[in-house]
Amino acid sequence: MKYLKISFKLGIVFLFINVENLSSKPIIFQNKNQCWVISAQAVVIRDEIKPEKYFFTIPIYKGKEEIVEESELYKIAGPNFKNESLLSFCETKVKGQKREDVLLAILNFYKKNLLANKNIFIPDSVDSDGTTAQLIYKLNEGNSNGSLTFLIPDSERIDWNSNNLNKLKIRDTNSPIYFSFDIGFRK
């Protein structure tokens, strides 16, 4: 009888651990638009040669879990993605929201950290092919530099003499807004 009680208790503990593991979200996965979703609040990118000296922390829009290393994300994503950037995201509007609001929400999030010293309404570069606009914000911190790039389908630049976001026409379609990070290190 004593062994039965111990086995029963161990079975309950094992069941609890398995149920807890089933309910936890993966740190990284691809959504229906084939964009990465990272649940961590930030990702640390390290230089391959001097990882303790040169690193850059990227806050993740809508991320809430613990900070994670980029190398850990590559282990989770698997070998098929080893040459692909895992810091490429997309965001779609929800019912009652405009695509401009989505872009502004992302920019306001990064204004609190990576874009703190920038006017978010004036990107470093704006380009358009008439159907898709590209916005680039340059990032410089310590020995790292890079960019935050947005691709906005179904939009166009209406004034080629200004980089102001107010001179960008974003159609209110259901297309996602894509954004990605590119970070490098100077020695």
N, C-alpha and C. Protein backbone atom coordinates (compact mmCIF):
# COMPACT_ATOMS: atom_id res chain seq x y z
N MET A 1 0.82 -1.19 0.00
CA MET A 1 0.00 0.00 0.00
C MET A 1 0.86 1.26 0.00
N LYS A 2 1.99 1.19 0.78
CA LYS A 2 2.91 2.33 0.87
C LYS A 2 3.48 2.66 -0.51
N TYR A 3 3.87 1.62 -1.27
CA TYR A 3 4.44 1.82 -2.60
C TYR A 3 3.41 2.38 -3.57
N LEU A 4 2.15 1.99 -3.40
CA LEU A 4 1.07 2.48 -4.25
C LEU A 4 0.86 3.98 -4.05
N LYS A 5 0.93 4.44 -2.78
CA LYS A 5 0.78 5.87 -2.47
C LYS A 5 1.93 6.67 -3.10
N ILE A 6 3.15 6.17 -2.98
CA ILE A 6 4.32 6.87 -3.56
C ILE A 6 4.20 6.91 -5.08
N SER A 7 3.82 5.80 -5.69
CA SER A 7 3.66 5.76 -7.15
C SER A 7 2.57 6.73 -7.60
N PHE A 8 1.48 6.79 -6.85
CA PHE A 8 0.38 7.69 -7.18
C PHE A 8 0.84 9.15 -7.10
N LYS A 9 1.60 9.50 -6.04
CA LYS A 9 2.12 10.87 -5.88
C LYS A 9 3.09 11.22 -7.01
N LEU A 10 3.96 10.28 -7.34
CA LEU A 10 4.91 10.52 -8.43
C LEU A 10 4.18 10.70 -9.76
N GLY A 11 3.13 9.90 -9.96
CA GLY A 11 2.33 10.03 -11.18
C GLY A 11 1.67 11.39 -11.29
N ILE A 12 1.16 11.91 -10.18
CA ILE A 12 0.55 13.25 -10.18
C ILE A 12 1.59 14.32 -10.47
N VAL A 13 2.77 14.21 -9.85
CA VAL A 13 3.85 15.17 -10.12
C VAL A 13 4.25 15.11 -11.59
N PHE A 14 4.40 13.92 -12.14
CA PHE A 14 4.77 13.76 -13.54
C PHE A 14 3.71 14.35 -14.46
N LEU A 15 2.43 14.09 -14.14
CA LEU A 15 1.32 14.64 -14.92
C LEU A 15 1.33 16.16 -14.86
N PHE A 16 1.57 16.74 -13.69
CA PHE A 16 1.61 18.20 -13.53
C PHE A 16 2.74 18.80 -14.37
N ILE A 17 3.91 18.18 -14.34
CA ILE A 17 5.05 18.68 -15.13
C ILE A 17 4.72 18.62 -16.62
N ASN A 18 4.12 17.53 -17.09
CA ASN A 18 3.78 17.40 -18.51
C ASN A 18 2.72 18.41 -18.93
N VAL A 19 1.70 18.63 -18.11
CA VAL A 19 0.67 19.61 -18.44
C VAL A 19 1.27 21.00 -18.48
N GLU A 20 2.17 21.31 -17.55
CA GLU A 20 2.82 22.62 -17.53
C GLU A 20 3.64 22.83 -18.80
N ASN A 21 4.34 21.80 -19.26
CA ASN A 21 5.14 21.92 -20.48
C ASN A 21 4.26 22.10 -21.71
N LEU A 22 3.08 21.48 -21.73
CA LEU A 22 2.18 21.62 -22.88
C LEU A 22 1.61 23.03 -22.99
N SER A 23 1.42 23.71 -21.85
CA SER A 23 0.80 25.02 -21.89
C SER A 23 1.79 26.15 -22.16
N SER A 24 3.08 25.91 -22.02
CA SER A 24 4.05 26.98 -22.26
C SER A 24 4.24 27.20 -23.75
N LYS A 25 4.37 28.48 -24.12
CA LYS A 25 4.54 28.84 -25.52
C LYS A 25 5.99 28.65 -25.95
N PRO A 26 6.24 28.32 -27.21
CA PRO A 26 7.62 28.25 -27.67
C PRO A 26 8.23 29.66 -27.69
N ILE A 27 9.52 29.73 -27.53
CA ILE A 27 10.21 31.02 -27.54
C ILE A 27 10.16 31.64 -28.93
N ILE A 28 10.26 30.80 -29.96
CA ILE A 28 10.25 31.30 -31.33
C ILE A 28 9.46 30.35 -32.23
N PHE A 29 8.66 30.93 -33.12
CA PHE A 29 7.94 30.15 -34.12
C PHE A 29 7.57 31.08 -35.27
N GLN A 30 7.17 30.50 -36.40
CA GLN A 30 6.73 31.29 -37.54
C GLN A 30 5.21 31.33 -37.55
N ASN A 31 4.65 32.53 -37.84
CA ASN A 31 3.20 32.66 -37.90
C ASN A 31 2.68 32.36 -39.30
N LYS A 32 1.40 32.59 -39.53
CA LYS A 32 0.79 32.25 -40.82
C LYS A 32 1.36 33.05 -41.98
N ASN A 33 1.99 34.20 -41.72
CA ASN A 33 2.62 35.01 -42.76
C ASN A 33 4.10 34.67 -42.95
N GLN A 34 4.55 33.58 -42.32
CA GLN A 34 5.95 33.14 -42.37
C GLN A 34 6.89 34.16 -41.74
N CYS A 35 6.40 34.92 -40.76
CA CYS A 35 7.23 35.87 -40.01
C CYS A 35 7.51 35.27 -38.64
N TRP A 36 8.64 35.60 -38.08
CA TRP A 36 9.02 35.07 -36.79
C TRP A 36 8.24 35.75 -35.68
N VAL A 37 7.87 34.99 -34.69
CA VAL A 37 7.27 35.50 -33.46
C VAL A 37 8.19 35.04 -32.34
N ILE A 38 8.69 36.00 -31.56
CA ILE A 38 9.58 35.70 -30.45
C ILE A 38 8.89 36.16 -29.18
N SER A 39 8.72 35.26 -28.22
CA SER A 39 8.01 35.60 -27.00
C SER A 39 8.91 36.27 -25.95
N ALA A 40 10.22 36.29 -26.16
CA ALA A 40 11.13 36.93 -25.22
C ALA A 40 10.99 38.45 -25.29
N GLN A 41 11.26 39.11 -24.17
CA GLN A 41 11.18 40.57 -24.16
C GLN A 41 12.37 41.22 -24.86
N ALA A 42 13.45 40.47 -25.03
CA ALA A 42 14.61 41.00 -25.74
C ALA A 42 15.49 39.84 -26.22
N VAL A 43 16.27 40.14 -27.26
CA VAL A 43 17.23 39.18 -27.80
C VAL A 43 18.61 39.81 -27.75
N VAL A 44 19.58 39.07 -27.23
CA VAL A 44 20.96 39.55 -27.16
C VAL A 44 21.72 38.95 -28.33
N ILE A 45 22.31 39.84 -29.15
CA ILE A 45 23.15 39.42 -30.27
C ILE A 45 24.59 39.65 -29.87
N ARG A 46 25.42 38.65 -30.03
CA ARG A 46 26.84 38.76 -29.64
C ARG A 46 27.75 38.63 -30.85
N ASP A 47 28.86 39.36 -30.79
CA ASP A 47 29.89 39.25 -31.79
C ASP A 47 30.53 37.86 -31.69
N GLU A 48 30.81 37.25 -32.82
CA GLU A 48 31.37 35.90 -32.81
C GLU A 48 32.80 35.86 -32.28
N ILE A 49 33.59 36.93 -32.50
CA ILE A 49 34.99 36.93 -32.09
C ILE A 49 35.16 37.30 -30.62
N LYS A 50 34.47 38.36 -30.16
CA LYS A 50 34.55 38.79 -28.77
C LYS A 50 33.14 38.94 -28.19
N PRO A 51 32.48 37.80 -27.91
CA PRO A 51 31.07 37.85 -27.49
C PRO A 51 30.83 38.55 -26.16
N GLU A 52 31.79 38.53 -25.25
CA GLU A 52 31.58 39.19 -23.96
C GLU A 52 31.78 40.70 -24.06
N LYS A 53 32.57 41.13 -25.02
CA LYS A 53 32.86 42.56 -25.17
C LYS A 53 31.87 43.27 -26.09
N TYR A 54 31.51 42.62 -27.18
CA TYR A 54 30.64 43.25 -28.17
C TYR A 54 29.30 42.52 -28.25
N PHE A 55 28.27 43.21 -27.80
CA PHE A 55 26.93 42.64 -27.90
C PHE A 55 25.90 43.77 -28.02
N PHE A 56 24.72 43.40 -28.46
CA PHE A 56 23.64 44.37 -28.68
C PHE A 56 22.34 43.71 -28.23
N THR A 57 21.54 44.43 -27.48
CA THR A 57 20.27 43.89 -27.00
C THR A 57 19.13 44.55 -27.76
N ILE A 58 18.30 43.73 -28.40
CA ILE A 58 17.16 44.23 -29.16
C ILE A 58 15.87 43.90 -28.40
N PRO A 59 15.14 44.92 -27.94
CA PRO A 59 13.84 44.66 -27.34
C PRO A 59 12.89 44.10 -28.40
N ILE A 60 12.00 43.21 -28.00
CA ILE A 60 11.07 42.58 -28.93
C ILE A 60 9.67 43.15 -28.71
N TYR A 61 9.11 43.68 -29.78
CA TYR A 61 7.76 44.23 -29.75
C TYR A 61 6.78 43.13 -29.34
N LYS A 62 6.03 43.36 -28.30
CA LYS A 62 5.04 42.44 -27.72
C LYS A 62 5.66 41.25 -27.01
N GLY A 63 6.98 41.22 -26.83
CA GLY A 63 7.63 40.13 -26.10
C GLY A 63 7.48 40.32 -24.60
N LYS A 64 7.28 39.23 -23.88
CA LYS A 64 7.04 39.32 -22.44
C LYS A 64 7.91 38.37 -21.62
N GLU A 65 8.45 37.34 -22.23
CA GLU A 65 9.20 36.32 -21.49
C GLU A 65 10.63 36.80 -21.22
N GLU A 66 11.44 35.94 -20.63
CA GLU A 66 12.82 36.28 -20.28
C GLU A 66 13.66 36.59 -21.51
N ILE A 67 14.72 37.35 -21.30
CA ILE A 67 15.66 37.70 -22.36
C ILE A 67 16.35 36.42 -22.85
N VAL A 68 16.58 36.34 -24.16
CA VAL A 68 17.17 35.14 -24.75
C VAL A 68 18.34 35.54 -25.66
N GLU A 69 19.29 34.65 -25.78
CA GLU A 69 20.43 34.85 -26.68
C GLU A 69 20.03 34.45 -28.10
N GLU A 70 20.53 35.19 -29.09
CA GLU A 70 20.23 34.86 -30.48
C GLU A 70 20.68 33.44 -30.82
N SER A 71 21.83 33.01 -30.28
CA SER A 71 22.32 31.65 -30.55
C SER A 71 21.32 30.59 -30.08
N GLU A 72 20.63 30.86 -28.99
CA GLU A 72 19.61 29.93 -28.49
C GLU A 72 18.43 29.85 -29.45
N LEU A 73 18.05 30.99 -30.04
CA LEU A 73 16.96 31.00 -31.01
C LEU A 73 17.30 30.13 -32.22
N TYR A 74 18.56 30.20 -32.67
CA TYR A 74 18.97 29.38 -33.81
C TYR A 74 18.92 27.89 -33.48
N LYS A 75 19.25 27.54 -32.24
CA LYS A 75 19.17 26.13 -31.83
C LYS A 75 17.71 25.66 -31.88
N ILE A 76 16.80 26.50 -31.41
CA ILE A 76 15.38 26.14 -31.37
C ILE A 76 14.80 26.08 -32.79
N ALA A 77 15.14 27.09 -33.62
CA ALA A 77 14.59 27.16 -34.97
C ALA A 77 15.07 25.98 -35.83
N GLY A 78 16.28 25.52 -35.59
CA GLY A 78 16.79 24.37 -36.31
C GLY A 78 17.75 24.74 -37.43
N PRO A 79 18.42 23.73 -37.98
CA PRO A 79 19.47 23.96 -38.98
C PRO A 79 18.96 24.53 -40.30
N ASN A 80 17.69 24.37 -40.61
CA ASN A 80 17.16 24.92 -41.87
C ASN A 80 17.20 26.45 -41.90
N PHE A 81 17.34 27.07 -40.74
CA PHE A 81 17.29 28.53 -40.67
C PHE A 81 18.62 29.15 -40.26
N LYS A 82 19.72 28.38 -40.30
CA LYS A 82 21.00 28.89 -39.81
C LYS A 82 21.53 30.08 -40.61
N ASN A 83 21.15 30.24 -41.87
CA ASN A 83 21.62 31.38 -42.67
C ASN A 83 20.55 32.45 -42.85
N GLU A 84 19.46 32.33 -42.10
CA GLU A 84 18.35 33.28 -42.22
C GLU A 84 18.29 34.16 -40.97
N SER A 85 17.90 35.43 -41.15
CA SER A 85 17.73 36.30 -40.00
C SER A 85 16.48 35.90 -39.24
N LEU A 86 16.62 35.71 -37.94
CA LEU A 86 15.47 35.39 -37.10
C LEU A 86 14.84 36.66 -36.54
N LEU A 87 15.40 37.80 -36.88
CA LEU A 87 14.88 39.07 -36.38
C LEU A 87 14.10 39.78 -37.47
N SER A 88 13.26 39.04 -38.15
CA SER A 88 12.38 39.55 -39.20
C SER A 88 10.95 39.27 -38.77
N PHE A 89 10.18 40.33 -38.60
CA PHE A 89 8.85 40.21 -38.03
C PHE A 89 7.80 40.82 -38.94
N CYS A 90 6.55 40.58 -38.65
CA CYS A 90 5.45 41.28 -39.32
C CYS A 90 4.31 41.44 -38.33
N GLU A 91 3.56 42.45 -38.55
CA GLU A 91 2.43 42.75 -37.67
C GLU A 91 1.24 43.13 -38.54
N THR A 92 0.08 42.60 -38.22
CA THR A 92 -1.13 42.93 -38.96
C THR A 92 -2.08 43.69 -38.05
N LYS A 93 -2.98 44.40 -38.68
CA LYS A 93 -3.95 45.17 -37.91
C LYS A 93 -5.02 44.23 -37.34
N VAL A 94 -5.63 44.68 -36.26
CA VAL A 94 -6.77 43.96 -35.71
C VAL A 94 -8.02 44.74 -36.08
N LYS A 95 -9.17 44.14 -35.88
CA LYS A 95 -10.44 44.76 -36.26
C LYS A 95 -10.56 46.15 -35.61
N GLY A 96 -10.93 47.12 -36.42
CA GLY A 96 -11.09 48.48 -35.94
C GLY A 96 -9.82 49.30 -35.91
N GLN A 97 -8.72 48.73 -36.34
CA GLN A 97 -7.43 49.40 -36.33
C GLN A 97 -7.01 49.71 -37.76
N LYS A 98 -6.29 50.80 -37.95
CA LYS A 98 -5.73 51.13 -39.26
C LYS A 98 -4.28 50.67 -39.31
N ARG A 99 -3.78 50.43 -40.51
CA ARG A 99 -2.38 50.01 -40.66
C ARG A 99 -1.43 51.08 -40.18
N GLU A 100 -1.78 52.36 -40.36
CA GLU A 100 -0.94 53.45 -39.84
C GLU A 100 -0.78 53.32 -38.33
N ASP A 101 -1.87 52.92 -37.65
CA ASP A 101 -1.82 52.75 -36.19
C ASP A 101 -0.86 51.63 -35.80
N VAL A 102 -0.82 50.58 -36.60
CA VAL A 102 0.10 49.48 -36.34
C VAL A 102 1.54 49.97 -36.44
N LEU A 103 1.84 50.70 -37.52
CA LEU A 103 3.19 51.24 -37.70
C LEU A 103 3.56 52.16 -36.54
N LEU A 104 2.66 53.05 -36.16
CA LEU A 104 2.94 53.99 -35.07
C LEU A 104 3.12 53.27 -33.73
N ALA A 105 2.37 52.21 -33.50
CA ALA A 105 2.53 51.45 -32.25
C ALA A 105 3.93 50.82 -32.18
N ILE A 106 4.39 50.26 -33.28
CA ILE A 106 5.74 49.66 -33.32
C ILE A 106 6.79 50.75 -33.13
N LEU A 107 6.64 51.86 -33.86
CA LEU A 107 7.62 52.95 -33.74
C LEU A 107 7.64 53.54 -32.33
N ASN A 108 6.49 53.71 -31.72
CA ASN A 108 6.44 54.24 -30.35
C ASN A 108 7.08 53.29 -29.36
N PHE A 109 6.94 51.97 -29.58
CA PHE A 109 7.61 51.00 -28.72
C PHE A 109 9.13 51.18 -28.82
N TYR A 110 9.65 51.28 -30.04
CA TYR A 110 11.10 51.41 -30.21
C TYR A 110 11.60 52.82 -29.89
N LYS A 111 10.72 53.81 -29.84
CA LYS A 111 11.10 55.17 -29.41
C LYS A 111 11.53 55.15 -27.94
N LYS A 112 11.02 54.22 -27.17
CA LYS A 112 11.36 54.10 -25.75
C LYS A 112 12.74 53.51 -25.52
N ASN A 113 13.35 52.95 -26.55
CA ASN A 113 14.64 52.29 -26.36
C ASN A 113 15.58 52.54 -27.54
N LEU A 114 15.51 51.77 -28.60
CA LEU A 114 16.47 51.86 -29.70
C LEU A 114 16.41 53.19 -30.47
N LEU A 115 15.23 53.79 -30.57
CA LEU A 115 15.06 55.03 -31.33
C LEU A 115 14.88 56.24 -30.41
N ALA A 116 15.38 56.14 -29.19
CA ALA A 116 15.18 57.19 -28.19
C ALA A 116 15.71 58.55 -28.64
N ASN A 117 16.78 58.58 -29.39
CA ASN A 117 17.39 59.84 -29.83
C ASN A 117 16.97 60.25 -31.23
N LYS A 118 15.92 59.66 -31.74
CA LYS A 118 15.49 59.94 -33.11
C LYS A 118 14.06 60.45 -33.14
N ASN A 119 13.76 61.21 -34.17
CA ASN A 119 12.39 61.60 -34.46
C ASN A 119 11.80 60.46 -35.27
N ILE A 120 10.86 59.71 -34.70
CA ILE A 120 10.33 58.53 -35.39
C ILE A 120 9.54 58.89 -36.64
N PHE A 121 9.16 60.16 -36.79
CA PHE A 121 8.40 60.57 -37.98
C PHE A 121 9.31 60.92 -39.15
N ILE A 122 10.65 60.90 -38.90
CA ILE A 122 11.60 61.19 -39.97
C ILE A 122 12.66 60.07 -40.01
N PRO A 123 12.39 59.00 -40.77
CA PRO A 123 13.38 57.93 -40.90
C PRO A 123 14.65 58.44 -41.58
N ASP A 124 15.73 57.68 -41.44
CA ASP A 124 16.99 58.05 -42.11
C ASP A 124 16.87 57.88 -43.61
N SER A 125 16.01 56.98 -44.04
CA SER A 125 15.82 56.75 -45.47
C SER A 125 14.38 56.31 -45.72
N VAL A 126 13.80 56.84 -46.81
CA VAL A 126 12.48 56.42 -47.26
C VAL A 126 12.57 56.14 -48.75
N ASP A 127 12.04 55.02 -49.17
CA ASP A 127 12.04 54.68 -50.58
C ASP A 127 10.71 54.01 -50.91
N SER A 128 10.35 54.01 -52.18
CA SER A 128 9.11 53.39 -52.60
C SER A 128 9.20 53.01 -54.08
N ASP A 129 8.61 51.89 -54.41
CA ASP A 129 8.53 51.50 -55.82
C ASP A 129 7.14 51.79 -56.37
N GLY A 130 6.33 52.52 -55.60
CA GLY A 130 4.98 52.84 -56.02
C GLY A 130 3.93 51.94 -55.39
N THR A 131 4.35 50.75 -54.93
CA THR A 131 3.40 49.84 -54.28
C THR A 131 3.85 49.44 -52.88
N THR A 132 5.13 49.56 -52.59
CA THR A 132 5.68 49.20 -51.28
C THR A 132 6.66 50.28 -50.85
N ALA A 133 6.50 50.75 -49.61
CA ALA A 133 7.42 51.74 -49.06
C ALA A 133 8.43 51.03 -48.15
N GLN A 134 9.64 51.57 -48.14
CA GLN A 134 10.69 51.06 -47.28
C GLN A 134 11.18 52.21 -46.40
N LEU A 135 11.19 51.98 -45.08
CA LEU A 135 11.69 52.96 -44.12
C LEU A 135 12.89 52.36 -43.43
N ILE A 136 13.96 53.13 -43.28
CA ILE A 136 15.15 52.64 -42.59
C ILE A 136 15.53 53.62 -41.49
N TYR A 137 15.72 53.08 -40.30
CA TYR A 137 16.21 53.84 -39.15
C TYR A 137 17.57 53.26 -38.79
N LYS A 138 18.62 54.08 -38.82
CA LYS A 138 19.96 53.61 -38.48
C LYS A 138 20.10 53.48 -36.97
N LEU A 139 20.78 52.42 -36.54
CA LEU A 139 21.00 52.15 -35.13
C LEU A 139 22.49 52.17 -34.84
N ASN A 140 22.91 52.92 -33.83
CA ASN A 140 24.31 52.96 -33.41
C ASN A 140 24.34 52.96 -31.89
N GLU A 141 25.05 51.99 -31.34
CA GLU A 141 25.20 51.93 -29.89
C GLU A 141 26.51 51.24 -29.57
N GLY A 142 27.39 51.94 -28.86
CA GLY A 142 28.68 51.36 -28.51
C GLY A 142 29.45 50.97 -29.77
N ASN A 143 29.88 49.73 -29.83
CA ASN A 143 30.63 49.22 -30.99
C ASN A 143 29.74 48.50 -32.00
N SER A 144 28.45 48.73 -31.91
CA SER A 144 27.56 48.08 -32.86
C SER A 144 26.82 49.12 -33.68
N ASN A 145 26.51 48.74 -34.88
CA ASN A 145 25.69 49.58 -35.75
C ASN A 145 24.79 48.67 -36.57
N GLY A 146 23.75 49.27 -37.09
CA GLY A 146 22.83 48.46 -37.88
C GLY A 146 21.63 49.28 -38.27
N SER A 147 20.51 48.60 -38.47
CA SER A 147 19.31 49.31 -38.89
C SER A 147 18.05 48.55 -38.49
N LEU A 148 16.98 49.31 -38.40
CA LEU A 148 15.63 48.80 -38.26
C LEU A 148 14.93 49.18 -39.54
N THR A 149 14.51 48.19 -40.32
CA THR A 149 13.93 48.43 -41.64
C THR A 149 12.47 47.98 -41.66
N PHE A 150 11.63 48.82 -42.22
CA PHE A 150 10.21 48.50 -42.40
C PHE A 150 9.91 48.37 -43.88
N LEU A 151 9.13 47.37 -44.24
CA LEU A 151 8.57 47.24 -45.58
C LEU A 151 7.06 47.28 -45.42
N ILE A 152 6.43 48.23 -46.12
CA ILE A 152 5.00 48.44 -45.98
C ILE A 152 4.34 48.27 -47.34
N PRO A 153 3.83 47.05 -47.63
CA PRO A 153 3.12 46.84 -48.89
C PRO A 153 1.87 47.72 -48.96
N ASP A 154 1.40 47.95 -50.17
CA ASP A 154 0.20 48.76 -50.39
C ASP A 154 0.36 50.17 -49.83
N SER A 155 1.53 50.75 -50.08
CA SER A 155 1.79 52.12 -49.66
C SER A 155 2.72 52.77 -50.68
N GLU A 156 2.73 54.09 -50.66
CA GLU A 156 3.60 54.80 -51.59
C GLU A 156 4.03 56.13 -51.01
N ARG A 157 5.13 56.59 -51.50
CA ARG A 157 5.67 57.89 -51.11
C ARG A 157 5.00 58.95 -51.98
N ILE A 158 4.39 59.98 -51.35
CA ILE A 158 3.69 61.00 -52.14
C ILE A 158 4.49 62.29 -52.28
N ASP A 159 5.62 62.40 -51.56
CA ASP A 159 6.49 63.57 -51.69
C ASP A 159 7.94 63.10 -51.67
N TRP A 160 8.59 63.16 -52.83
CA TRP A 160 9.97 62.67 -52.94
C TRP A 160 10.99 63.64 -52.37
N ASN A 161 10.56 64.80 -51.89
CA ASN A 161 11.47 65.78 -51.31
C ASN A 161 11.49 65.72 -49.78
N SER A 162 10.76 64.79 -49.21
CA SER A 162 10.66 64.72 -47.75
C SER A 162 10.71 63.27 -47.28
N ASN A 163 11.40 63.05 -46.16
CA ASN A 163 11.41 61.73 -45.53
C ASN A 163 10.37 61.63 -44.42
N ASN A 164 9.49 62.60 -44.32
CA ASN A 164 8.49 62.63 -43.26
C ASN A 164 7.43 61.56 -43.49
N LEU A 165 7.08 60.84 -42.42
CA LEU A 165 6.06 59.78 -42.53
C LEU A 165 4.71 60.33 -42.95
N ASN A 166 4.46 61.60 -42.68
CA ASN A 166 3.20 62.21 -43.09
C ASN A 166 3.10 62.32 -44.62
N LYS A 167 4.21 62.14 -45.31
CA LYS A 167 4.24 62.18 -46.78
C LYS A 167 4.21 60.78 -47.37
N LEU A 168 3.72 59.84 -46.60
CA LEU A 168 3.60 58.45 -47.03
C LEU A 168 2.13 58.07 -47.00
N LYS A 169 1.65 57.51 -48.08
CA LYS A 169 0.26 57.07 -48.16
C LYS A 169 0.22 55.56 -47.91
N ILE A 170 -0.37 55.18 -46.77
CA ILE A 170 -0.49 53.77 -46.41
C ILE A 170 -1.95 53.38 -46.59
N ARG A 171 -2.21 52.51 -47.56
CA ARG A 171 -3.58 52.06 -47.79
C ARG A 171 -4.01 51.12 -46.66
N ASP A 172 -5.27 51.18 -46.31
CA ASP A 172 -5.78 50.39 -45.20
C ASP A 172 -6.25 49.01 -45.67
N THR A 173 -5.29 48.20 -46.12
CA THR A 173 -5.58 46.84 -46.55
C THR A 173 -5.28 45.88 -45.40
N ASN A 174 -5.36 44.60 -45.64
CA ASN A 174 -5.03 43.60 -44.62
C ASN A 174 -3.59 43.10 -44.73
N SER A 175 -2.79 43.74 -45.57
CA SER A 175 -1.38 43.34 -45.71
C SER A 175 -0.62 43.62 -44.41
N PRO A 176 0.30 42.73 -44.05
CA PRO A 176 1.11 42.97 -42.85
C PRO A 176 2.11 44.11 -43.07
N ILE A 177 2.62 44.63 -41.98
CA ILE A 177 3.75 45.55 -42.00
C ILE A 177 4.95 44.72 -41.55
N TYR A 178 5.97 44.65 -42.37
CA TYR A 178 7.16 43.85 -42.09
C TYR A 178 8.24 44.75 -41.48
N PHE A 179 8.98 44.22 -40.51
CA PHE A 179 10.12 44.95 -39.98
C PHE A 179 11.20 43.98 -39.53
N SER A 180 12.45 44.42 -39.71
CA SER A 180 13.58 43.54 -39.41
C SER A 180 14.76 44.34 -38.89
N PHE A 181 15.65 43.64 -38.20
CA PHE A 181 16.86 44.24 -37.65
C PHE A 181 18.08 43.65 -38.33
N ASP A 182 19.06 44.49 -38.56
CA ASP A 182 20.35 44.07 -39.09
C ASP A 182 21.40 44.73 -38.19
N ILE A 183 22.19 43.93 -37.48
CA ILE A 183 23.16 44.45 -36.53
C ILE A 183 24.54 43.91 -36.85
N GLY A 184 25.54 44.78 -36.81
CA GLY A 184 26.94 44.39 -37.03
C GLY A 184 27.81 45.05 -35.96
N PHE A 185 29.06 44.64 -35.89
CA PHE A 185 29.97 45.15 -34.87
C PHE A 185 31.22 45.74 -35.50
N ARG A 186 31.65 46.90 -34.97
CA ARG A 186 32.89 47.56 -35.41
C ARG A 186 33.96 47.20 -34.39
N LYS A 187 35.16 47.01 -34.89
CA LYS A 187 36.28 46.69 -33.97
C LYS A 187 37.13 47.92 -33.76
